[in-house]
Amino acid sequence: MTERKPPGVDFESWVDKQIRDADARGEFERLEGAGRPLPREVEDTYDELWWVKRKMAREGMSVLPPTLALRKEAEDALEAALAAPSERIVRKILAEINAKISDMMFKPPPGPPLGKKPYDVEDVVRRWRERRAASDGQGGPGGSDA
């Protein structure tokens, strides 16, 4: 609909006319969900941001407080470090996440506490070597490129 409201016409009357005309053309006949009630939220209380939450869920988005987002990022970084192809990459991943964790520890944002401390790089490298040796079927450290 590209038609503009004519000057001097009451907005409500103009909108009602647009709806009547569209209905007369049959534009509302085969709409998805026609004849069914609108989906209700589980909660009985009205949430004025319901549409934002629904859109974020539909698009697979989420917003976490900074500490919880960093906690998740730290756990993902540890898994990535343990699965890394080289010791150099293990150390790089841990250095990056440890810097973020240290920043958060010394400049805490509002929200729940982080509950994380920087990873012990040598301990994670040792665990990485053990996993690498186990997956290679060798008893040795399995190729490092420190």
C-alpha atoms as a PDB file:
ATOM      1  CA  MET A   1       0.000   0.000   0.000  1.00  0.00           C
ATOM      2  CA  THR A   2       1.701   3.189  -1.191  1.00  0.00           C
ATOM      3  CA  GLU A   3      -1.341   5.405  -0.967  1.00  0.00           C
ATOM      4  CA  ARG A   4      -0.958   8.417   1.315  1.00  0.00           C
ATOM      5  CA  LYS A   5      -3.603   9.775   3.636  1.00  0.00           C
ATOM      6  CA  PRO A   6      -5.267  12.729   1.970  1.00  0.00           C
ATOM      7  CA  PRO A   7      -5.053  16.015   3.855  1.00  0.00           C
ATOM      8  CA  GLY A   8      -8.096  16.820   5.914  1.00  0.00           C
ATOM      9  CA  VAL A   9      -9.210  13.172   6.282  1.00  0.00           C
ATOM     10  CA  ASP A  10      -9.345  11.809   9.798  1.00  0.00           C
ATOM     11  CA  PHE A  11      -6.542   9.263  10.250  1.00  0.00           C
ATOM     12  CA  GLU A  12      -8.811   6.648  11.842  1.00  0.00           C
ATOM     13  CA  SER A  13     -11.339   6.915   9.003  1.00  0.00           C
ATOM     14  CA  TRP A  14      -8.586   6.592   6.420  1.00  0.00           C
ATOM     15  CA  VAL A  15      -7.123   3.473   8.087  1.00  0.00           C
ATOM     16  CA  ASP A  16     -10.586   1.898   8.404  1.00  0.00           C
ATOM     17  CA  LYS A  17     -11.170   2.519   4.693  1.00  0.00           C
ATOM     18  CA  GLN A  18      -7.811   0.899   3.813  1.00  0.00           C
ATOM     19  CA  ILE A  19      -8.757  -2.190   5.841  1.00  0.00           C
ATOM     20  CA  ARG A  20     -12.233  -2.407   4.297  1.00  0.00           C
ATOM     21  CA  ASP A  21     -10.787  -2.083   0.771  1.00  0.00           C
ATOM     22  CA  ALA A  22      -8.149  -4.789   1.432  1.00  0.00           C
ATOM     23  CA  ASP A  23     -10.830  -7.073   2.881  1.00  0.00           C
ATOM     24  CA  ALA A  24     -13.018  -6.510  -0.185  1.00  0.00           C
ATOM     25  CA  ARG A  25     -10.078  -7.486  -2.419  1.00  0.00           C
ATOM     26  CA  GLY A  26      -9.686 -10.722  -0.394  1.00  0.00           C
ATOM     27  CA  GLU A  27      -6.225  -9.913   0.925  1.00  0.00           C
ATOM     28  CA  PHE A  28      -6.994 -11.332   4.377  1.00  0.00           C
ATOM     29  CA  GLU A  29      -8.423 -14.674   3.234  1.00  0.00           C
ATOM     30  CA  ARG A  30      -5.363 -16.923   3.214  1.00  0.00           C
ATOM     31  CA  LEU A  31      -3.271 -15.488   6.000  1.00  0.00           C
ATOM     32  CA  GLU A  32      -1.201 -17.841   8.135  1.00  0.00           C
ATOM     33  CA  GLY A  33      -3.088 -18.677  11.313  1.00  0.00           C
ATOM     34  CA  ALA A  34      -6.417 -17.385  10.009  1.00  0.00           C
ATOM     35  CA  GLY A  35      -9.309 -18.490  12.196  1.00  0.00           C
ATOM     36  CA  ARG A  36      -7.065 -19.441  15.102  1.00  0.00           C
ATOM     37  CA  PRO A  37      -6.449 -17.418  18.267  1.00  0.00           C
ATOM     38  CA  LEU A  38      -3.199 -15.539  18.606  1.00  0.00           C
ATOM     39  CA  PRO A  39      -0.555 -17.526  20.503  1.00  0.00           C
ATOM     40  CA  ARG A  40      -0.525 -16.689  24.190  1.00  0.00           C
ATOM     41  CA  GLU A  41       2.532 -16.433  26.300  1.00  0.00           C
ATOM     42  CA  VAL A  42       2.824 -18.820  29.235  1.00  0.00           C
ATOM     43  CA  GLU A  43       2.987 -15.949  31.690  1.00  0.00           C
ATOM     44  CA  ASP A  44      -0.197 -14.146  32.624  1.00  0.00           C
ATOM     45  CA  THR A  45       1.612 -10.855  33.245  1.00  0.00           C
ATOM     46  CA  TYR A  46       2.033  -8.523  30.310  1.00  0.00           C
ATOM     47  CA  ASP A  47       5.603  -8.003  29.142  1.00  0.00           C
ATOM     48  CA  GLU A  48       5.959  -4.975  26.920  1.00  0.00           C
ATOM     49  CA  LEU A  49       9.114  -6.446  25.371  1.00  0.00           C
ATOM     50  CA  TRP A  50       7.427  -9.725  24.389  1.00  0.00           C
ATOM     51  CA  TRP A  51       7.980  -9.032  20.703  1.00  0.00           C
ATOM     52  CA  VAL A  52      11.702  -8.357  21.203  1.00  0.00           C
ATOM     53  CA  LYS A  53      12.105 -11.614  23.123  1.00  0.00           C
ATOM     54  CA  ARG A  54      10.158 -13.578  20.523  1.00  0.00           C
ATOM     55  CA  LYS A  55      12.220 -12.107  17.649  1.00  0.00           C
ATOM     56  CA  MET A  56      15.481 -12.845  19.473  1.00  0.00           C
ATOM     57  CA  ALA A  57      14.377 -16.428  20.114  1.00  0.00           C
ATOM     58  CA  ARG A  58      13.298 -16.844  16.492  1.00  0.00           C
ATOM     59  CA  GLU A  59      16.680 -15.586  15.273  1.00  0.00           C
ATOM     60  CA  GLY A  60      18.664 -17.596  17.815  1.00  0.00           C
ATOM     61  CA  MET A  61      19.976 -14.553  19.654  1.00  0.00           C
ATOM     62  CA  SER A  62      20.472 -14.091  23.352  1.00  0.00           C
ATOM     63  CA  VAL A  63      21.725 -11.338  25.587  1.00  0.00           C
ATOM     64  CA  LEU A  64      23.565 -12.300  28.728  1.00  0.00           C
ATOM     65  CA  PRO A  65      25.023 -10.074  31.416  1.00  0.00           C
ATOM     66  CA  PRO A  66      28.713  -9.427  30.625  1.00  0.00           C
ATOM     67  CA  THR A  67      30.000 -11.750  33.344  1.00  0.00           C
ATOM     68  CA  LEU A  68      27.836 -14.657  32.213  1.00  0.00           C
ATOM     69  CA  ALA A  69      28.784 -14.059  28.570  1.00  0.00           C
ATOM     70  CA  LEU A  70      32.485 -14.098  29.529  1.00  0.00           C
ATOM     71  CA  ARG A  71      32.006 -17.232  31.631  1.00  0.00           C
ATOM     72  CA  LYS A  72      30.543 -18.987  28.580  1.00  0.00           C
ATOM     73  CA  GLU A  73      33.299 -17.589  26.343  1.00  0.00           C
ATOM     74  CA  ALA A  74      35.939 -18.845  28.823  1.00  0.00           C
ATOM     75  CA  GLU A  75      34.476 -22.355  28.832  1.00  0.00           C
ATOM     76  CA  ASP A  76      34.374 -22.361  25.021  1.00  0.00           C
ATOM     77  CA  ALA A  77      37.964 -21.076  24.890  1.00  0.00           C
ATOM     78  CA  LEU A  78      39.149 -23.872  27.186  1.00  0.00           C
ATOM     79  CA  GLU A  79      37.505 -26.489  24.965  1.00  0.00           C
ATOM     80  CA  ALA A  80      39.003 -24.838  21.876  1.00  0.00           C
ATOM     81  CA  ALA A  81      42.439 -24.789  23.508  1.00  0.00           C
ATOM     82  CA  LEU A  82      42.249 -28.460  24.420  1.00  0.00           C
ATOM     83  CA  ALA A  83      41.258 -29.293  20.826  1.00  0.00           C
ATOM     84  CA  ALA A  84      43.807 -26.953  19.198  1.00  0.00           C
ATOM     85  CA  PRO A  85      46.160 -28.384  16.565  1.00  0.00           C
ATOM     86  CA  SER A  86      49.336 -26.876  18.080  1.00  0.00           C
ATOM     87  CA  GLU A  87      50.761 -25.739  21.381  1.00  0.00           C
ATOM     88  CA  ARG A  88      51.273 -22.244  19.953  1.00  0.00           C
ATOM     89  CA  ILE A  89      47.527 -21.962  19.281  1.00  0.00           C
ATOM     90  CA  VAL A  90      46.720 -23.311  22.770  1.00  0.00           C
ATOM     91  CA  ARG A  91      48.853 -20.570  24.298  1.00  0.00           C
ATOM     92  CA  LYS A  92      47.330 -17.897  22.022  1.00  0.00           C
ATOM     93  CA  ILE A  93      43.735 -18.883  22.909  1.00  0.00           C
ATOM     94  CA  LEU A  94      44.529 -18.908  26.628  1.00  0.00           C
ATOM     95  CA  ALA A  95      46.396 -15.587  26.517  1.00  0.00           C
ATOM     96  CA  GLU A  96      43.395 -13.897  24.881  1.00  0.00           C
ATOM     97  CA  ILE A  97      40.784 -15.300  27.272  1.00  0.00           C
ATOM     98  CA  ASN A  98      43.001 -14.755  30.336  1.00  0.00           C
ATOM     99  CA  ALA A  99      43.347 -11.060  29.396  1.00  0.00           C
ATOM    100  CA  LYS A 100      39.557 -10.738  29.219  1.00  0.00           C
ATOM    101  CA  ILE A 101      39.089 -12.562  32.532  1.00  0.00           C
ATOM    102  CA  SER A 102      41.718 -10.370  34.248  1.00  0.00           C
ATOM    103  CA  ASP A 103      40.066  -7.217  32.924  1.00  0.00           C
ATOM    104  CA  MET A 104      36.693  -8.377  34.228  1.00  0.00           C
ATOM    105  CA  MET A 105      38.190  -9.273  37.633  1.00  0.00           C
ATOM    106  CA  PHE A 106      39.715  -5.830  38.123  1.00  0.00           C
ATOM    107  CA  LYS A 107      36.892  -3.808  36.554  1.00  0.00           C
ATOM    108  CA  PRO A 108      33.769  -5.772  37.409  1.00  0.00           C
ATOM    109  CA  PRO A 109      30.605  -4.729  35.568  1.00  0.00           C
ATOM    110  CA  PRO A 110      27.193  -4.782  37.182  1.00  0.00           C
ATOM    111  CA  GLY A 111      25.596  -8.183  37.437  1.00  0.00           C
ATOM    112  CA  PRO A 112      26.480 -11.525  38.954  1.00  0.00           C
ATOM    113  CA  PRO A 113      30.107 -12.237  39.872  1.00  0.00           C
ATOM    114  CA  LEU A 114      32.243 -13.809  37.156  1.00  0.00           C
ATOM    115  CA  GLY A 115      33.308 -16.824  39.212  1.00  0.00           C
ATOM    116  CA  LYS A 116      36.324 -17.436  36.956  1.00  0.00           C
ATOM    117  CA  LYS A 117      40.026 -16.828  37.346  1.00  0.00           C
ATOM    118  CA  PRO A 118      42.628 -16.863  34.581  1.00  0.00           C
ATOM    119  CA  TYR A 119      43.574 -20.330  33.420  1.00  0.00           C
ATOM    120  CA  ASP A 120      46.937 -21.821  34.388  1.00  0.00           C
ATOM    121  CA  VAL A 121      48.469 -21.935  30.907  1.00  0.00           C
ATOM    122  CA  GLU A 122      51.050 -24.599  31.772  1.00  0.00           C
ATOM    123  CA  ASP A 123      48.364 -26.843  33.294  1.00  0.00           C
ATOM    124  CA  VAL A 124      46.145 -26.530  30.205  1.00  0.00           C
ATOM    125  CA  VAL A 125      49.143 -27.137  27.901  1.00  0.00           C
ATOM    126  CA  ARG A 126      49.943 -30.281  29.929  1.00  0.00           C
ATOM    127  CA  ARG A 127      46.325 -31.476  29.542  1.00  0.00           C
ATOM    128  CA  TRP A 128      46.450 -30.623  25.831  1.00  0.00           C
ATOM    129  CA  ARG A 129      49.635 -32.705  25.448  1.00  0.00           C
ATOM    130  CA  GLU A 130      48.016 -35.634  27.273  1.00  0.00           C
ATOM    131  CA  ARG A 131      44.942 -35.524  25.021  1.00  0.00           C
ATOM    132  CA  ARG A 132      47.103 -35.198  21.932  1.00  0.00           C
ATOM    133  CA  ALA A 133      49.255 -38.159  22.954  1.00  0.00           C
ATOM    134  CA  ALA A 134      46.166 -40.267  23.689  1.00  0.00           C
ATOM    135  CA  SER A 135      44.546 -39.445  20.347  1.00  0.00           C
ATOM    136  CA  ASP A 136      47.778 -40.029  18.391  1.00  0.00           C
ATOM    137  CA  GLY A 137      48.219 -43.396  20.034  1.00  0.00           C
ATOM    138  CA  GLN A 138      51.750 -42.405  20.952  1.00  0.00           C
ATOM    139  CA  GLY A 139      53.313 -42.125  24.339  1.00  0.00           C
ATOM    140  CA  GLY A 140      55.157 -38.890  23.528  1.00  0.00           C
ATOM    141  CA  PRO A 141      54.132 -35.262  23.656  1.00  0.00           C
ATOM    142  CA  GLY A 142      52.837 -35.346  20.076  1.00  0.00           C
ATOM    143  CA  GLY A 143      54.369 -32.498  18.151  1.00  0.00           C
ATOM    144  CA  SER A 144      54.523 -29.062  19.669  1.00  0.00           C
ATOM    145  CA  ASP A 145      55.364 -25.849  17.919  1.00  0.00           C
ATOM    146  CA  ALA A 146      55.821 -23.555  20.881  1.00  0.00           C
END
